[in-house]
Amino acid sequence: MTELLYKEEAFKIIGAAMEAHKELGNGFLEAVYQEALEIEFKTQGIPYIREPKLEIYYKGQ
């Protein structure tokens, strides 16, 4: 098995996502889980950037 480069960080992020899903349950749109995960990240002190601007190069543009 491949060793995770950021093992501790990965476990914290996955744990936060699982907590948000456990609290909300199934059936919501992505935006609802996104809001909940943002709150969970703040609660757990996990730094994040919400929807950063990405530069995409497509067909030379």
PDB file of N, CA and C in Angstrom:
ATOM      1  N   MET A   1       0.844  -1.187   0.000  1.00  0.00           N
ATOM      2  CA  MET A   1       0.000   0.000   0.000  1.00  0.00           C
ATOM      3  C   MET A   1       0.883   1.242   0.000  1.00  0.00           C
ATOM      4  N   THR A   2       0.473   2.242  -0.725  1.00  0.00           N
ATOM      5  CA  THR A   2       1.223   3.487  -0.816  1.00  0.00           C
ATOM      6  C   THR A   2       1.048   4.304   0.458  1.00  0.00           C
ATOM      7  N   GLU A   3       2.137   4.852   0.953  1.00  0.00           N
ATOM      8  CA  GLU A   3       2.102   5.691   2.150  1.00  0.00           C
ATOM      9  C   GLU A   3       1.571   7.076   1.779  1.00  0.00           C
ATOM     10  N   LEU A   4       0.628   7.573   2.560  1.00  0.00           N
ATOM     11  CA  LEU A   4       0.083   8.904   2.317  1.00  0.00           C
ATOM     12  C   LEU A   4       1.118   9.966   2.662  1.00  0.00           C
ATOM     13  N   LEU A   5       1.222  10.969   1.817  1.00  0.00           N
ATOM     14  CA  LEU A   5       2.175  12.048   2.034  1.00  0.00           C
ATOM     15  C   LEU A   5       1.745  12.931   3.206  1.00  0.00           C
ATOM     16  N   TYR A   6       0.460  13.248   3.282  1.00  0.00           N
ATOM     17  CA  TYR A   6      -0.084  14.084   4.353  1.00  0.00           C
ATOM     18  C   TYR A   6      -1.119  13.278   5.133  1.00  0.00           C
ATOM     19  N   LYS A   7      -0.667  12.209   5.758  1.00  0.00           N
ATOM     20  CA  LYS A   7      -1.558  11.258   6.411  1.00  0.00           C
ATOM     21  C   LYS A   7      -2.424  11.912   7.487  1.00  0.00           C
ATOM     22  N   GLU A   8      -1.822  12.662   8.383  1.00  0.00           N
ATOM     23  CA  GLU A   8      -2.572  13.284   9.476  1.00  0.00           C
ATOM     24  C   GLU A   8      -3.613  14.269   8.945  1.00  0.00           C
ATOM     25  N   GLU A   9      -3.208  15.076   7.971  1.00  0.00           N
ATOM     26  CA  GLU A   9      -4.127  16.047   7.383  1.00  0.00           C
ATOM     27  C   GLU A   9      -5.281  15.351   6.664  1.00  0.00           C
ATOM     28  N   ALA A  10      -4.955  14.281   5.940  1.00  0.00           N
ATOM     29  CA  ALA A  10      -5.986  13.530   5.214  1.00  0.00           C
ATOM     30  C   ALA A  10      -7.011  12.952   6.184  1.00  0.00           C
ATOM     31  N   PHE A  11      -6.562  12.390   7.291  1.00  0.00           N
ATOM     32  CA  PHE A  11      -7.485  11.825   8.273  1.00  0.00           C
ATOM     33  C   PHE A  11      -8.369  12.902   8.890  1.00  0.00           C
ATOM     34  N   LYS A  12      -7.814  14.084   9.139  1.00  0.00           N
ATOM     35  CA  LYS A  12      -8.614  15.180   9.700  1.00  0.00           C
ATOM     36  C   LYS A  12      -9.691  15.634   8.715  1.00  0.00           C
ATOM     37  N   ILE A  13      -9.321  15.761   7.450  1.00  0.00           N
ATOM     38  CA  ILE A  13     -10.272  16.208   6.430  1.00  0.00           C
ATOM     39  C   ILE A  13     -11.373  15.168   6.232  1.00  0.00           C
ATOM     40  N   ILE A  14     -10.989  13.910   6.129  1.00  0.00           N
ATOM     41  CA  ILE A  14     -11.983  12.843   5.965  1.00  0.00           C
ATOM     42  C   ILE A  14     -12.893  12.772   7.187  1.00  0.00           C
ATOM     43  N   GLY A  15     -12.314  12.919   8.369  1.00  0.00           N
ATOM     44  CA  GLY A  15     -13.110  12.910   9.593  1.00  0.00           C
ATOM     45  C   GLY A  15     -14.119  14.052   9.627  1.00  0.00           C
ATOM     46  N   ALA A  16     -13.708  15.230   9.174  1.00  0.00           N
ATOM     47  CA  ALA A  16     -14.614  16.379   9.131  1.00  0.00           C
ATOM     48  C   ALA A  16     -15.751  16.126   8.143  1.00  0.00           C
ATOM     49  N   ALA A  17     -15.424  15.548   6.999  1.00  0.00           N
ATOM     50  CA  ALA A  17     -16.451  15.237   5.999  1.00  0.00           C
ATOM     51  C   ALA A  17     -17.429  14.197   6.529  1.00  0.00           C
ATOM     52  N   MET A  18     -16.915  13.201   7.216  1.00  0.00           N
ATOM     53  CA  MET A  18     -17.786  12.168   7.785  1.00  0.00           C
ATOM     54  C   MET A  18     -18.686  12.750   8.873  1.00  0.00           C
ATOM     55  N   GLU A  19     -18.156  13.658   9.668  1.00  0.00           N
ATOM     56  CA  GLU A  19     -18.951  14.301  10.718  1.00  0.00           C
ATOM     57  C   GLU A  19     -20.080  15.135  10.111  1.00  0.00           C
ATOM     58  N   ALA A  20     -19.770  15.887   9.069  1.00  0.00           N
ATOM     59  CA  ALA A  20     -20.796  16.696   8.403  1.00  0.00           C
ATOM     60  C   ALA A  20     -21.882  15.796   7.815  1.00  0.00           C
ATOM     61  N   HIS A  21     -21.477  14.706   7.192  1.00  0.00           N
ATOM     62  CA  HIS A  21     -22.453  13.786   6.597  1.00  0.00           C
ATOM     63  C   HIS A  21     -23.276  13.086   7.674  1.00  0.00           C
ATOM     64  N   LYS A  22     -22.635  12.719   8.764  1.00  0.00           N
ATOM     65  CA  LYS A  22     -23.344  12.067   9.870  1.00  0.00           C
ATOM     66  C   LYS A  22     -24.404  13.003  10.449  1.00  0.00           C
ATOM     67  N   GLU A  23     -24.064  14.265  10.559  1.00  0.00           N
ATOM     68  CA  GLU A  23     -24.987  15.258  11.129  1.00  0.00           C
ATOM     69  C   GLU A  23     -26.165  15.531  10.198  1.00  0.00           C
ATOM     70  N   LEU A  24     -25.900  15.624   8.890  1.00  0.00           N
ATOM     71  CA  LEU A  24     -26.949  15.980   7.926  1.00  0.00           C
ATOM     72  C   LEU A  24     -27.720  14.779   7.389  1.00  0.00           C
ATOM     73  N   GLY A  25     -27.021  13.678   7.180  1.00  0.00           N
ATOM     74  CA  GLY A  25     -27.648  12.529   6.543  1.00  0.00           C
ATOM     75  C   GLY A  25     -27.583  12.642   5.028  1.00  0.00           C
ATOM     76  N   ASN A  26     -28.371  11.812   4.358  1.00  0.00           N
ATOM     77  CA  ASN A  26     -28.360  11.736   2.896  1.00  0.00           C
ATOM     78  C   ASN A  26     -29.373  12.682   2.268  1.00  0.00           C
ATOM     79  N   GLY A  27     -29.185  12.925   0.970  1.00  0.00           N
ATOM     80  CA  GLY A  27     -30.224  13.544   0.173  1.00  0.00           C
ATOM     81  C   GLY A  27     -30.125  15.029  -0.091  1.00  0.00           C
ATOM     82  N   PHE A  28     -29.093  15.684   0.392  1.00  0.00           N
ATOM     83  CA  PHE A  28     -28.970  17.122   0.159  1.00  0.00           C
ATOM     84  C   PHE A  28     -28.126  17.400  -1.077  1.00  0.00           C
ATOM     85  N   LEU A  29     -28.275  18.590  -1.611  1.00  0.00           N
ATOM     86  CA  LEU A  29     -27.434  19.022  -2.718  1.00  0.00           C
ATOM     87  C   LEU A  29     -26.018  19.288  -2.220  1.00  0.00           C
ATOM     88  N   GLU A  30     -25.080  19.292  -3.146  1.00  0.00           N
ATOM     89  CA  GLU A  30     -23.671  19.507  -2.813  1.00  0.00           C
ATOM     90  C   GLU A  30     -23.462  20.792  -2.018  1.00  0.00           C
ATOM     91  N   ALA A  31     -24.193  21.843  -2.364  1.00  0.00           N
ATOM     92  CA  ALA A  31     -24.019  23.140  -1.699  1.00  0.00           C
ATOM     93  C   ALA A  31     -24.296  23.052  -0.197  1.00  0.00           C
ATOM     94  N   VAL A  32     -25.235  22.215   0.201  1.00  0.00           N
ATOM     95  CA  VAL A  32     -25.561  22.057   1.622  1.00  0.00           C
ATOM     96  C   VAL A  32     -24.389  21.408   2.352  1.00  0.00           C
ATOM     97  N   TYR A  33     -23.844  20.351   1.769  1.00  0.00           N
ATOM     98  CA  TYR A  33     -22.696  19.680   2.385  1.00  0.00           C
ATOM     99  C   TYR A  33     -21.477  20.602   2.399  1.00  0.00           C
ATOM    100  N   GLN A  34     -21.350  21.423   1.375  1.00  0.00           N
ATOM    101  CA  GLN A  34     -20.229  22.368   1.308  1.00  0.00           C
ATOM    102  C   GLN A  34     -20.300  23.361   2.467  1.00  0.00           C
ATOM    103  N   GLU A  35     -21.486  23.880   2.729  1.00  0.00           N
ATOM    104  CA  GLU A  35     -21.666  24.809   3.856  1.00  0.00           C
ATOM    105  C   GLU A  35     -21.355  24.115   5.181  1.00  0.00           C
ATOM    106  N   ALA A  36     -21.872  22.904   5.337  1.00  0.00           N
ATOM    107  CA  ALA A  36     -21.645  22.157   6.574  1.00  0.00           C
ATOM    108  C   ALA A  36     -20.161  21.847   6.761  1.00  0.00           C
ATOM    109  N   LEU A  37     -19.494  21.476   5.682  1.00  0.00           N
ATOM    110  CA  LEU A  37     -18.071  21.153   5.774  1.00  0.00           C
ATOM    111  C   LEU A  37     -17.254  22.392   6.121  1.00  0.00           C
ATOM    112  N   GLU A  38     -17.648  23.536   5.602  1.00  0.00           N
ATOM    113  CA  GLU A  38     -16.958  24.776   5.950  1.00  0.00           C
ATOM    114  C   GLU A  38     -17.072  25.046   7.453  1.00  0.00           C
ATOM    115  N   ILE A  39     -18.261  24.850   7.998  1.00  0.00           N
ATOM    116  CA  ILE A  39     -18.463  25.031   9.441  1.00  0.00           C
ATOM    117  C   ILE A  39     -17.622  24.024  10.220  1.00  0.00           C
ATOM    118  N   GLU A  40     -17.603  22.784   9.756  1.00  0.00           N
ATOM    119  CA  GLU A  40     -16.835  21.737  10.443  1.00  0.00           C
ATOM    120  C   GLU A  40     -15.337  22.031  10.385  1.00  0.00           C
ATOM    121  N   PHE A  41     -14.853  22.507   9.244  1.00  0.00           N
ATOM    122  CA  PHE A  41     -13.437  22.879   9.144  1.00  0.00           C
ATOM    123  C   PHE A  41     -13.101  23.977  10.151  1.00  0.00           C
ATOM    124  N   LYS A  42     -13.956  24.987  10.248  1.00  0.00           N
ATOM    125  CA  LYS A  42     -13.723  26.073  11.209  1.00  0.00           C
ATOM    126  C   LYS A  42     -13.731  25.536  12.635  1.00  0.00           C
ATOM    127  N   THR A  43     -14.695  24.675  12.939  1.00  0.00           N
ATOM    128  CA  THR A  43     -14.821  24.103  14.280  1.00  0.00           C
ATOM    129  C   THR A  43     -13.573  23.314  14.668  1.00  0.00           C
ATOM    130  N   GLN A  44     -13.045  22.559  13.709  1.00  0.00           N
ATOM    131  CA  GLN A  44     -11.887  21.710  13.985  1.00  0.00           C
ATOM    132  C   GLN A  44     -10.555  22.413  13.732  1.00  0.00           C
ATOM    133  N   GLY A  45     -10.599  23.667  13.320  1.00  0.00           N
ATOM    134  CA  GLY A  45      -9.366  24.418  13.087  1.00  0.00           C
ATOM    135  C   GLY A  45      -8.590  23.951  11.868  1.00  0.00           C
ATOM    136  N   ILE A  46      -9.301  23.470  10.860  1.00  0.00           N
ATOM    137  CA  ILE A  46      -8.660  23.007   9.626  1.00  0.00           C
ATOM    138  C   ILE A  46      -8.647  24.167   8.634  1.00  0.00           C
ATOM    139  N   PRO A  47      -7.470  24.630   8.233  1.00  0.00           N
ATOM    140  CA  PRO A  47      -7.419  25.743   7.279  1.00  0.00           C
ATOM    141  C   PRO A  47      -7.891  25.297   5.891  1.00  0.00           C
ATOM    142  N   TYR A  48      -8.545  26.198   5.185  1.00  0.00           N
ATOM    143  CA  TYR A  48      -9.069  25.870   3.862  1.00  0.00           C
ATOM    144  C   TYR A  48      -9.264  27.152   3.060  1.00  0.00           C
ATOM    145  N   ILE A  49      -9.401  26.991   1.774  1.00  0.00           N
ATOM    146  CA  ILE A  49      -9.782  28.077   0.874  1.00  0.00           C
ATOM    147  C   ILE A  49     -10.998  27.571   0.113  1.00  0.00           C
ATOM    148  N   ARG A  50     -12.085  28.297   0.218  1.00  0.00           N
ATOM    149  CA  ARG A  50     -13.317  27.861  -0.436  1.00  0.00           C
ATOM    150  C   ARG A  50     -13.313  28.271  -1.905  1.00  0.00           C
ATOM    151  N   GLU A  51     -13.455  27.302  -2.768  1.00  0.00           N
ATOM    152  CA  GLU A  51     -13.531  27.478  -4.215  1.00  0.00           C
ATOM    153  C   GLU A  51     -12.492  28.464  -4.759  1.00  0.00           C
ATOM    154  N   PRO A  52     -11.224  28.118  -4.640  1.00  0.00           N
ATOM    155  CA  PRO A  52     -10.199  29.024  -5.171  1.00  0.00           C
ATOM    156  C   PRO A  52     -10.296  29.124  -6.694  1.00  0.00           C
ATOM    157  N   LYS A  53      -9.904  30.256  -7.221  1.00  0.00           N
ATOM    158  CA  LYS A  53      -9.895  30.475  -8.665  1.00  0.00           C
ATOM    159  C   LYS A  53      -8.791  29.616  -9.266  1.00  0.00           C
ATOM    160  N   LEU A  54      -9.142  28.830 -10.270  1.00  0.00           N
ATOM    161  CA  LEU A  54      -8.176  27.979 -10.953  1.00  0.00           C
ATOM    162  C   LEU A  54      -7.994  28.466 -12.381  1.00  0.00           C
ATOM    163  N   GLU A  55      -6.752  28.517 -12.813  1.00  0.00           N
ATOM    164  CA  GLU A  55      -6.487  28.878 -14.202  1.00  0.00           C
ATOM    165  C   GLU A  55      -6.513  27.608 -15.034  1.00  0.00           C
ATOM    166  N   ILE A  56      -7.372  27.598 -16.018  1.00  0.00           N
ATOM    167  CA  ILE A  56      -7.521  26.445 -16.893  1.00  0.00           C
ATOM    168  C   ILE A  56      -7.059  26.826 -18.294  1.00  0.00           C
ATOM    169  N   TYR A  57      -6.229  26.000 -18.864  1.00  0.00           N
ATOM    170  CA  TYR A  57      -5.784  26.207 -20.239  1.00  0.00           C
ATOM    171  C   TYR A  57      -6.448  25.147 -21.099  1.00  0.00           C
ATOM    172  N   TYR A  58      -7.222  25.613 -22.054  1.00  0.00           N
ATOM    173  CA  TYR A  58      -7.987  24.717 -22.904  1.00  0.00           C
ATOM    174  C   TYR A  58      -7.807  25.135 -24.354  1.00  0.00           C
ATOM    175  N   LYS A  59      -7.337  24.221 -25.148  1.00  0.00           N
ATOM    176  CA  LYS A  59      -7.107  24.455 -26.575  1.00  0.00           C
ATOM    177  C   LYS A  59      -6.275  25.711 -26.812  1.00  0.00           C
ATOM    178  N   GLY A  60      -5.210  25.827 -26.045  1.00  0.00           N
ATOM    179  CA  GLY A  60      -4.275  26.925 -26.219  1.00  0.00           C
ATOM    180  C   GLY A  60      -4.719  28.254 -25.641  1.00  0.00           C
ATOM    181  N   GLN A  61      -5.818  28.261 -24.946  1.00  0.00           N
ATOM    182  CA  GLN A  61      -6.320  29.526 -24.383  1.00  0.00           C
ATOM    183  C   GLN A  61      -6.237  29.510 -22.879  1.00  0.00           C
TER     184      GLN A  61
END
